[in-house]
């Protein structure tokens, strides 16, 4: 029965708007801290930019967008992702449908066209957001985001968001289901730029730097919301796995808050 219901446009619209309403409640009831404290001052001097984050940490990112920011987010073409797209649009973020993938799936999943569209939006002054990791390969940055940076000339800013009250879903990306009335931490990396003439080695170096900054930001966000042991585990994991990440990438592409 659920299979029939989830294909219904009406059901997906209700679920998407319901998700948006719930996320508004979650965000409005958080005590938010940001690092660096002058995050918006630094960011606004470099717009438009590419915001990137780990899959499963993305649900609260629409609240980083200020009213004067124009923004688009890349969301998969899958039927299940329709709910996410409807929620994003209800929160004022336009959706670009497509996703990174491995091998030939890159084009069939709309990754190529979505990449071109993201580059076009950046050229028109719109910020874009996307997950760094390739679908089904959690917490390993792919080449998609650095490829967009190369062809757009715009900087990448890795961001992590953590909340003190959450449930971790039993999904491939271990999505964080945030709960209201807690603390939230938003931590941004130093940023990554990719030269227009970057070759494979330079792209790989940039991908590794995106990976590193996301790992550091995630560990710091966990620490800020009161999970120091998890922060230390993430830091150790990053130190061990960082040299081995290159072989696992399959992506071959072509906002203070109300509280802050």
C-alpha atoms as a PDB file:
ATOM      1  CA  UNK A   1       0.000   0.000   0.000  1.00  0.00           C
ATOM      2  CA  UNK A   2       2.839   2.376   0.817  1.00  0.00           C
ATOM      3  CA  UNK A   3       4.222   1.863  -2.689  1.00  0.00           C
ATOM      4  CA  UNK A   4       0.933   3.102  -4.142  1.00  0.00           C
ATOM      5  CA  UNK A   5       0.664   6.000  -1.728  1.00  0.00           C
ATOM      6  CA  UNK A   6       4.194   7.294  -2.273  1.00  0.00           C
ATOM      7  CA  UNK A   7       3.593   7.594  -6.028  1.00  0.00           C
ATOM      8  CA  UNK A   8       0.638   9.901  -5.407  1.00  0.00           C
ATOM      9  CA  UNK A   9       1.497  13.566  -6.085  1.00  0.00           C
ATOM     10  CA  UNK A  10      -0.978  14.612  -3.404  1.00  0.00           C
ATOM     11  CA  UNK A  11       0.602  12.374  -0.782  1.00  0.00           C
ATOM     12  CA  UNK A  12       4.104  13.536  -1.686  1.00  0.00           C
ATOM     13  CA  UNK A  13       3.028  17.180  -1.492  1.00  0.00           C
ATOM     14  CA  UNK A  14       1.472  16.660   1.934  1.00  0.00           C
ATOM     15  CA  UNK A  15       4.578  14.832   3.171  1.00  0.00           C
ATOM     16  CA  UNK A  16       6.933  17.466   1.765  1.00  0.00           C
ATOM     17  CA  UNK A  17       5.074  20.385   3.275  1.00  0.00           C
ATOM     18  CA  UNK A  18       4.704  18.505   6.524  1.00  0.00           C
ATOM     19  CA  UNK A  19       8.458  17.918   6.587  1.00  0.00           C
ATOM     20  CA  UNK A  20       9.071  21.619   5.987  1.00  0.00           C
ATOM     21  CA  UNK A  21       6.785  22.569   8.874  1.00  0.00           C
ATOM     22  CA  UNK A  22       8.477  20.106  11.189  1.00  0.00           C
ATOM     23  CA  UNK A  23      11.961  21.349  10.271  1.00  0.00           C
ATOM     24  CA  UNK A  24      10.862  24.948  10.935  1.00  0.00           C
ATOM     25  CA  UNK A  25       9.767  23.864  14.419  1.00  0.00           C
ATOM     26  CA  UNK A  26      13.081  22.101  15.010  1.00  0.00           C
ATOM     27  CA  UNK A  27      15.161  25.090  13.905  1.00  0.00           C
ATOM     28  CA  UNK A  28      13.146  27.698  15.778  1.00  0.00           C
ATOM     29  CA  UNK A  29      13.537  25.782  19.027  1.00  0.00           C
ATOM     30  CA  UNK A  30      17.321  25.361  18.786  1.00  0.00           C
ATOM     31  CA  UNK A  31      19.970  27.408  20.586  1.00  0.00           C
ATOM     32  CA  UNK A  32      22.291  27.905  17.642  1.00  0.00           C
ATOM     33  CA  UNK A  33      26.032  28.516  17.723  1.00  0.00           C
ATOM     34  CA  UNK A  34      28.067  29.165  14.587  1.00  0.00           C
ATOM     35  CA  UNK A  35      31.764  28.830  13.852  1.00  0.00           C
ATOM     36  CA  UNK A  36      33.289  31.045  12.749  1.00  0.00           C
ATOM     37  CA  UNK A  37      31.124  33.550  14.620  1.00  0.00           C
ATOM     38  CA  UNK A  38      31.293  35.977  11.671  1.00  0.00           C
ATOM     39  CA  UNK A  39      30.267  33.270   9.223  1.00  0.00           C
ATOM     40  CA  UNK A  40      27.852  35.451   7.267  1.00  0.00           C
ATOM     41  CA  UNK A  41      30.202  38.390   7.057  1.00  0.00           C
ATOM     42  CA  UNK A  42      32.857  36.128   5.537  1.00  0.00           C
ATOM     43  CA  UNK A  43      30.417  34.317   3.267  1.00  0.00           C
ATOM     44  CA  UNK A  44      28.643  37.391   1.921  1.00  0.00           C
ATOM     45  CA  UNK A  45      31.920  38.751   0.590  1.00  0.00           C
ATOM     46  CA  UNK A  46      32.273  35.684  -1.672  1.00  0.00           C
ATOM     47  CA  UNK A  47      28.822  35.108  -3.095  1.00  0.00           C
ATOM     48  CA  UNK A  48      27.740  33.210  -5.063  1.00  0.00           C
ATOM     49  CA  UNK A  49      29.214  30.094  -3.520  1.00  0.00           C
ATOM     50  CA  UNK A  50      28.883  26.326  -3.481  1.00  0.00           C
ATOM     51  CA  UNK A  51      27.687  24.990  -0.140  1.00  0.00           C
ATOM     52  CA  UNK A  52      28.428  21.317   0.456  1.00  0.00           C
ATOM     53  CA  UNK A  53      27.682  18.901   3.284  1.00  0.00           C
ATOM     54  CA  UNK A  54      27.454  15.197   3.995  1.00  0.00           C
ATOM     55  CA  UNK A  55      24.356  13.311   2.923  1.00  0.00           C
ATOM     56  CA  UNK A  56      22.185  12.808   5.985  1.00  0.00           C
ATOM     57  CA  UNK A  57      23.290  16.110   7.518  1.00  0.00           C
ATOM     58  CA  UNK A  58      21.399  18.226   5.016  1.00  0.00           C
ATOM     59  CA  UNK A  59      17.904  18.644   6.458  1.00  0.00           C
ATOM     60  CA  UNK A  60      18.545  21.939   8.285  1.00  0.00           C
ATOM     61  CA  UNK A  61      20.699  23.595   5.634  1.00  0.00           C
ATOM     62  CA  UNK A  62      17.784  25.661   4.168  1.00  0.00           C
ATOM     63  CA  UNK A  63      17.818  27.683   7.380  1.00  0.00           C
ATOM     64  CA  UNK A  64      21.323  28.919   6.651  1.00  0.00           C
ATOM     65  CA  UNK A  65      19.949  30.970   3.768  1.00  0.00           C
ATOM     66  CA  UNK A  66      19.125  34.594   4.511  1.00  0.00           C
ATOM     67  CA  UNK A  67      16.181  36.342   2.816  1.00  0.00           C
ATOM     68  CA  UNK A  68      18.441  38.185   0.366  1.00  0.00           C
ATOM     69  CA  UNK A  69      20.240  35.007  -0.739  1.00  0.00           C
ATOM     70  CA  UNK A  70      19.195  33.222  -3.905  1.00  0.00           C
ATOM     71  CA  UNK A  71      19.795  29.494  -3.628  1.00  0.00           C
ATOM     72  CA  UNK A  72      19.292  26.189  -5.416  1.00  0.00           C
ATOM     73  CA  UNK A  73      19.944  22.698  -4.103  1.00  0.00           C
ATOM     74  CA  UNK A  74      20.710  19.543  -6.073  1.00  0.00           C
ATOM     75  CA  UNK A  75      18.267  16.755  -5.225  1.00  0.00           C
ATOM     76  CA  UNK A  76      18.028  13.269  -6.717  1.00  0.00           C
ATOM     77  CA  UNK A  77      15.438  12.475  -9.388  1.00  0.00           C
ATOM     78  CA  UNK A  78      14.206   9.456  -7.435  1.00  0.00           C
ATOM     79  CA  UNK A  79      10.542   9.276  -6.445  1.00  0.00           C
ATOM     80  CA  UNK A  80      11.419   9.245  -2.743  1.00  0.00           C
ATOM     81  CA  UNK A  81      13.455  12.441  -3.194  1.00  0.00           C
ATOM     82  CA  UNK A  82      10.350  14.251  -4.484  1.00  0.00           C
ATOM     83  CA  UNK A  83       9.359  14.781  -0.855  1.00  0.00           C
ATOM     84  CA  UNK A  84      12.709  16.419  -0.122  1.00  0.00           C
ATOM     85  CA  UNK A  85      12.353  18.660  -3.182  1.00  0.00           C
ATOM     86  CA  UNK A  86       8.858  19.761  -2.150  1.00  0.00           C
ATOM     87  CA  UNK A  87      10.113  20.464   1.391  1.00  0.00           C
ATOM     88  CA  UNK A  88      13.070  22.493   0.079  1.00  0.00           C
ATOM     89  CA  UNK A  89      10.828  24.583  -2.158  1.00  0.00           C
ATOM     90  CA  UNK A  90       8.409  25.158   0.729  1.00  0.00           C
ATOM     91  CA  UNK A  91      11.392  26.532   2.652  1.00  0.00           C
ATOM     92  CA  UNK A  92      12.305  28.895  -0.185  1.00  0.00           C
ATOM     93  CA  UNK A  93      15.055  26.849  -1.859  1.00  0.00           C
ATOM     94  CA  UNK A  94      14.745  25.930  -5.522  1.00  0.00           C
ATOM     95  CA  UNK A  95      15.572  22.379  -6.573  1.00  0.00           C
ATOM     96  CA  UNK A  96      17.848  21.148  -9.363  1.00  0.00           C
ATOM     97  CA  UNK A  97      16.958  17.517  -9.990  1.00  0.00           C
ATOM     98  CA  UNK A  98      19.788  15.072 -10.577  1.00  0.00           C
ATOM     99  CA  UNK A  99      22.520  13.347  -8.632  1.00  0.00           C
ATOM    100  CA  UNK A 100      26.055  12.099  -8.802  1.00  0.00           C
ATOM    101  CA  UNK A 101      26.581   8.434  -9.532  1.00  0.00           C
ATOM    102  CA  UNK A 102      29.161   5.927 -10.598  1.00  0.00           C
ATOM    103  CA  UNK A 103      29.977   5.048 -14.198  1.00  0.00           C
ATOM    104  CA  UNK A 104      27.210   5.202 -16.778  1.00  0.00           C
ATOM    105  CA  UNK A 105      24.564   5.948 -14.113  1.00  0.00           C
ATOM    106  CA  UNK A 106      25.913   9.502 -13.942  1.00  0.00           C
ATOM    107  CA  UNK A 107      23.987  10.518 -17.078  1.00  0.00           C
ATOM    108  CA  UNK A 108      20.910   8.346 -16.517  1.00  0.00           C
ATOM    109  CA  UNK A 109      20.420   9.819 -13.048  1.00  0.00           C
ATOM    110  CA  UNK A 110      20.571  13.326 -14.435  1.00  0.00           C
ATOM    111  CA  UNK A 111      23.972  14.143 -13.001  1.00  0.00           C
ATOM    112  CA  UNK A 112      25.359  15.657 -16.192  1.00  0.00           C
ATOM    113  CA  UNK A 113      22.432  18.010 -16.841  1.00  0.00           C
ATOM    114  CA  UNK A 114      22.195  18.921 -13.159  1.00  0.00           C
ATOM    115  CA  UNK A 115      25.902  19.784 -13.121  1.00  0.00           C
ATOM    116  CA  UNK A 116      25.477  22.097 -16.109  1.00  0.00           C
ATOM    117  CA  UNK A 117      22.438  23.703 -14.488  1.00  0.00           C
ATOM    118  CA  UNK A 118      24.307  24.300 -11.229  1.00  0.00           C
ATOM    119  CA  UNK A 119      27.162  25.975 -13.131  1.00  0.00           C
ATOM    120  CA  UNK A 120      24.642  28.148 -14.965  1.00  0.00           C
ATOM    121  CA  UNK A 121      22.954  29.228 -11.736  1.00  0.00           C
ATOM    122  CA  UNK A 122      26.308  30.189 -10.228  1.00  0.00           C
ATOM    123  CA  UNK A 123      27.048  32.250 -13.325  1.00  0.00           C
ATOM    124  CA  UNK A 124      23.765  34.084 -12.776  1.00  0.00           C
ATOM    125  CA  UNK A 125      24.657  34.898  -9.161  1.00  0.00           C
ATOM    126  CA  UNK A 126      22.663  32.165  -7.417  1.00  0.00           C
ATOM    127  CA  UNK A 127      24.230  30.126  -4.619  1.00  0.00           C
ATOM    128  CA  UNK A 128      24.044  26.364  -4.976  1.00  0.00           C
ATOM    129  CA  UNK A 129      24.103  23.545  -2.439  1.00  0.00           C
ATOM    130  CA  UNK A 130      24.776  19.841  -2.813  1.00  0.00           C
ATOM    131  CA  UNK A 131      25.916  16.832  -0.881  1.00  0.00           C
ATOM    132  CA  UNK A 132      29.602  16.058  -1.240  1.00  0.00           C
ATOM    133  CA  UNK A 133      29.356  12.288  -1.106  1.00  0.00           C
ATOM    134  CA  UNK A 134      28.306  10.057  -3.976  1.00  0.00           C
ATOM    135  CA  UNK A 135      24.938   8.322  -3.364  1.00  0.00           C
ATOM    136  CA  UNK A 136      25.297   5.025  -1.510  1.00  0.00           C
ATOM    137  CA  UNK A 137      28.918   5.801  -0.560  1.00  0.00           C
ATOM    138  CA  UNK A 138      28.466   7.716   2.658  1.00  0.00           C
ATOM    139  CA  UNK A 139      31.052  10.219   3.919  1.00  0.00           C
ATOM    140  CA  UNK A 140      33.400   9.878   0.934  1.00  0.00           C
ATOM    141  CA  UNK A 141      33.586  13.076  -1.099  1.00  0.00           C
ATOM    142  CA  UNK A 142      33.183  12.698  -4.849  1.00  0.00           C
ATOM    143  CA  UNK A 143      34.484  14.783  -7.719  1.00  0.00           C
ATOM    144  CA  UNK A 144      31.143  16.408  -8.540  1.00  0.00           C
ATOM    145  CA  UNK A 145      31.432  19.418  -6.257  1.00  0.00           C
ATOM    146  CA  UNK A 146      35.025  20.205  -7.235  1.00  0.00           C
ATOM    147  CA  UNK A 147      34.142  19.859 -10.921  1.00  0.00           C
ATOM    148  CA  UNK A 148      31.394  22.452 -10.507  1.00  0.00           C
ATOM    149  CA  UNK A 149      33.875  24.717  -8.708  1.00  0.00           C
ATOM    150  CA  UNK A 150      36.375  24.356 -11.545  1.00  0.00           C
ATOM    151  CA  UNK A 151      33.926  25.299 -14.287  1.00  0.00           C
ATOM    152  CA  UNK A 152      32.132  28.044 -12.344  1.00  0.00           C
ATOM    153  CA  UNK A 153      35.141  29.684 -10.688  1.00  0.00           C
ATOM    154  CA  UNK A 154      33.199  29.869  -7.415  1.00  0.00           C
ATOM    155  CA  UNK A 155      34.441  28.746  -3.967  1.00  0.00           C
ATOM    156  CA  UNK A 156      33.253  25.641  -2.136  1.00  0.00           C
ATOM    157  CA  UNK A 157      32.331  25.974   1.525  1.00  0.00           C
ATOM    158  CA  UNK A 158      31.994  22.677   3.419  1.00  0.00           C
ATOM    159  CA  UNK A 159      29.481  22.932   6.282  1.00  0.00           C
ATOM    160  CA  UNK A 160      28.412  20.590   9.072  1.00  0.00           C
ATOM    161  CA  UNK A 161      25.271  20.897  11.198  1.00  0.00           C
ATOM    162  CA  UNK A 162      24.722  18.893  14.381  1.00  0.00           C
ATOM    163  CA  UNK A 163      21.970  18.981  16.999  1.00  0.00           C
ATOM    164  CA  UNK A 164      22.083  17.786  20.575  1.00  0.00           C
ATOM    165  CA  UNK A 165      18.756  15.946  20.286  1.00  0.00           C
ATOM    166  CA  UNK A 166      18.505  13.584  17.340  1.00  0.00           C
ATOM    167  CA  UNK A 167      17.764  10.076  16.155  1.00  0.00           C
ATOM    168  CA  UNK A 168      20.140   8.365  13.716  1.00  0.00           C
ATOM    169  CA  UNK A 169      18.213   6.559  10.985  1.00  0.00           C
ATOM    170  CA  UNK A 170      19.147   3.050   9.884  1.00  0.00           C
ATOM    171  CA  UNK A 171      19.878   4.189   6.351  1.00  0.00           C
ATOM    172  CA  UNK A 172      22.999   4.056   4.176  1.00  0.00           C
ATOM    173  CA  UNK A 173      23.778   7.697   5.013  1.00  0.00           C
ATOM    174  CA  UNK A 174      22.847   7.415   8.722  1.00  0.00           C
ATOM    175  CA  UNK A 175      20.594  10.444   8.405  1.00  0.00           C
ATOM    176  CA  UNK A 176      20.160  12.615  11.479  1.00  0.00           C
ATOM    177  CA  UNK A 177      16.505  13.073  12.377  1.00  0.00           C
ATOM    178  CA  UNK A 178      16.678  16.278  14.407  1.00  0.00           C
ATOM    179  CA  UNK A 179      14.404  16.790  17.395  1.00  0.00           C
ATOM    180  CA  UNK A 180      13.097  20.116  18.749  1.00  0.00           C
ATOM    181  CA  UNK A 181      14.206  21.999  21.871  1.00  0.00           C
ATOM    182  CA  UNK A 182      17.934  21.413  21.831  1.00  0.00           C
ATOM    183  CA  UNK A 183      21.217  22.942  20.766  1.00  0.00           C
ATOM    184  CA  UNK A 184      22.495  23.221  17.215  1.00  0.00           C
ATOM    185  CA  UNK A 185      25.991  23.872  15.901  1.00  0.00           C
ATOM    186  CA  UNK A 186      26.829  25.124  12.414  1.00  0.00           C
ATOM    187  CA  UNK A 187      30.511  24.824  11.528  1.00  0.00           C
ATOM    188  CA  UNK A 188      32.016  25.940   8.219  1.00  0.00           C
ATOM    189  CA  UNK A 189      35.346  25.020   6.716  1.00  0.00           C
ATOM    190  CA  UNK A 190      37.905  27.485   5.402  1.00  0.00           C
ATOM    191  CA  UNK A 191      36.748  27.007   1.830  1.00  0.00           C
ATOM    192  CA  UNK A 192      38.214  25.381  -1.275  1.00  0.00           C
ATOM    193  CA  UNK A 193      38.905  26.982  -4.649  1.00  0.00           C
ATOM    194  CA  UNK A 194      39.642  25.078  -7.841  1.00  0.00           C
ATOM    195  CA  UNK A 195      41.566  26.612 -10.730  1.00  0.00           C
ATOM    196  CA  UNK A 196      39.879  26.749 -14.143  1.00  0.00           C
ATOM    197  CA  UNK A 197      42.778  24.807 -15.659  1.00  0.00           C
ATOM    198  CA  UNK A 198      42.922  22.179 -12.909  1.00  0.00           C
ATOM    199  CA  UNK A 199      43.835  18.716 -14.176  1.00  0.00           C
ATOM    200  CA  UNK A 200      43.065  15.319 -12.617  1.00  0.00           C
ATOM    201  CA  UNK A 201      45.721  15.678  -9.894  1.00  0.00           C
ATOM    202  CA  UNK A 202      44.523  19.128  -8.871  1.00  0.00           C
ATOM    203  CA  UNK A 203      40.899  17.975  -8.826  1.00  0.00           C
ATOM    204  CA  UNK A 204      41.842  15.032  -6.644  1.00  0.00           C
ATOM    205  CA  UNK A 205      43.741  17.322  -4.276  1.00  0.00           C
ATOM    206  CA  UNK A 206      40.697  19.601  -4.049  1.00  0.00           C
ATOM    207  CA  UNK A 207      38.406  16.623  -3.439  1.00  0.00           C
ATOM    208  CA  UNK A 208      40.643  15.472  -0.591  1.00  0.00           C
ATOM    209  CA  UNK A 209      40.579  18.952   0.899  1.00  0.00           C
ATOM    210  CA  UNK A 210      36.768  19.038   0.763  1.00  0.00           C
ATOM    211  CA  UNK A 211      36.803  15.647   2.486  1.00  0.00           C
ATOM    212  CA  UNK A 212      39.202  16.900   5.169  1.00  0.00           C
ATOM    213  CA  UNK A 213      37.282  20.089   5.874  1.00  0.00           C
ATOM    214  CA  UNK A 214      33.980  18.231   6.155  1.00  0.00           C
ATOM    215  CA  UNK A 215      35.504  15.738   8.582  1.00  0.00           C
ATOM    216  CA  UNK A 216      36.972  18.524  10.720  1.00  0.00           C
ATOM    217  CA  UNK A 217      33.734  20.541  10.648  1.00  0.00           C
ATOM    218  CA  UNK A 218      31.617  17.499  11.530  1.00  0.00           C
ATOM    219  CA  UNK A 219      33.838  16.579  14.475  1.00  0.00           C
ATOM    220  CA  UNK A 220      33.746  20.163  15.762  1.00  0.00           C
ATOM    221  CA  UNK A 221      29.950  20.411  15.402  1.00  0.00           C
ATOM    222  CA  UNK A 222      29.519  17.189  17.388  1.00  0.00           C
ATOM    223  CA  UNK A 223      31.810  18.564  20.077  1.00  0.00           C
ATOM    224  CA  UNK A 224      29.861  21.833  20.303  1.00  0.00           C
ATOM    225  CA  UNK A 225      26.547  20.046  20.918  1.00  0.00           C
ATOM    226  CA  UNK A 226      28.012  17.928  23.696  1.00  0.00           C
ATOM    227  CA  UNK A 227      29.273  14.749  22.046  1.00  0.00           C
ATOM    228  CA  UNK A 228      33.050  14.951  22.582  1.00  0.00           C
ATOM    229  CA  UNK A 229      33.550  11.184  22.355  1.00  0.00           C
ATOM    230  CA  UNK A 230      31.879  11.063  18.949  1.00  0.00           C
ATOM    231  CA  UNK A 231      33.935  14.076  17.884  1.00  0.00           C
ATOM    232  CA  UNK A 232      37.151  12.295  18.839  1.00  0.00           C
ATOM    233  CA  UNK A 233      36.067   9.125  17.028  1.00  0.00           C
ATOM    234  CA  UNK A 234      35.326  11.113  13.877  1.00  0.00           C
ATOM    235  CA  UNK A 235      38.693  12.848  14.099  1.00  0.00           C
ATOM    236  CA  UNK A 236      40.505   9.504  14.460  1.00  0.00           C
ATOM    237  CA  UNK A 237      38.506   7.967  11.605  1.00  0.00           C
ATOM    238  CA  UNK A 238      39.371  10.876   9.324  1.00  0.00           C
ATOM    239  CA  UNK A 239      43.055  10.661  10.136  1.00  0.00           C
ATOM    240  CA  UNK A 240      43.115   6.943   9.306  1.00  0.00           C
ATOM    241  CA  UNK A 241      40.927   6.967   6.172  1.00  0.00           C
ATOM    242  CA  UNK A 242      41.906  10.234   4.475  1.00  0.00           C
ATOM    243  CA  UNK A 243      44.869   8.769   2.513  1.00  0.00           C
ATOM    244  CA  UNK A 244      42.697   5.975   1.121  1.00  0.00           C
ATOM    245  CA  UNK A 245      39.690   7.969  -0.076  1.00  0.00           C
ATOM    246  CA  UNK A 246      40.793   8.570  -3.665  1.00  0.00           C
ATOM    247  CA  UNK A 247      40.239   5.008  -4.825  1.00  0.00           C
ATOM    248  CA  UNK A 248      36.611   5.044  -3.698  1.00  0.00           C
ATOM    249  CA  UNK A 249      35.247   8.043  -5.568  1.00  0.00           C
ATOM    250  CA  UNK A 250      32.976   7.322  -8.493  1.00  0.00           C
ATOM    251  CA  UNK A 251      31.632  10.784  -9.263  1.00  0.00           C
ATOM    252  CA  UNK A 252      32.609  11.912 -12.732  1.00  0.00           C
ATOM    253  CA  UNK A 253      30.670  15.166 -13.045  1.00  0.00           C
ATOM    254  CA  UNK A 254      30.823  16.724 -16.884  1.00  0.00           C
ATOM    255  CA  UNK A 255      23.031  30.547   5.632  1.00  0.00           C
ATOM    256  CA  UNK A 256      22.864  33.574  10.604  1.00  0.00           C
ATOM    257  CA  UNK A 257      19.647  31.934  11.160  1.00  0.00           C
ATOM    258  CA  UNK A 258      16.655  33.398  12.906  1.00  0.00           C
ATOM    259  CA  UNK A 259      18.622  32.656  16.057  1.00  0.00           C
ATOM    260  CA  UNK A 260      21.904  34.169  14.856  1.00  0.00           C
END
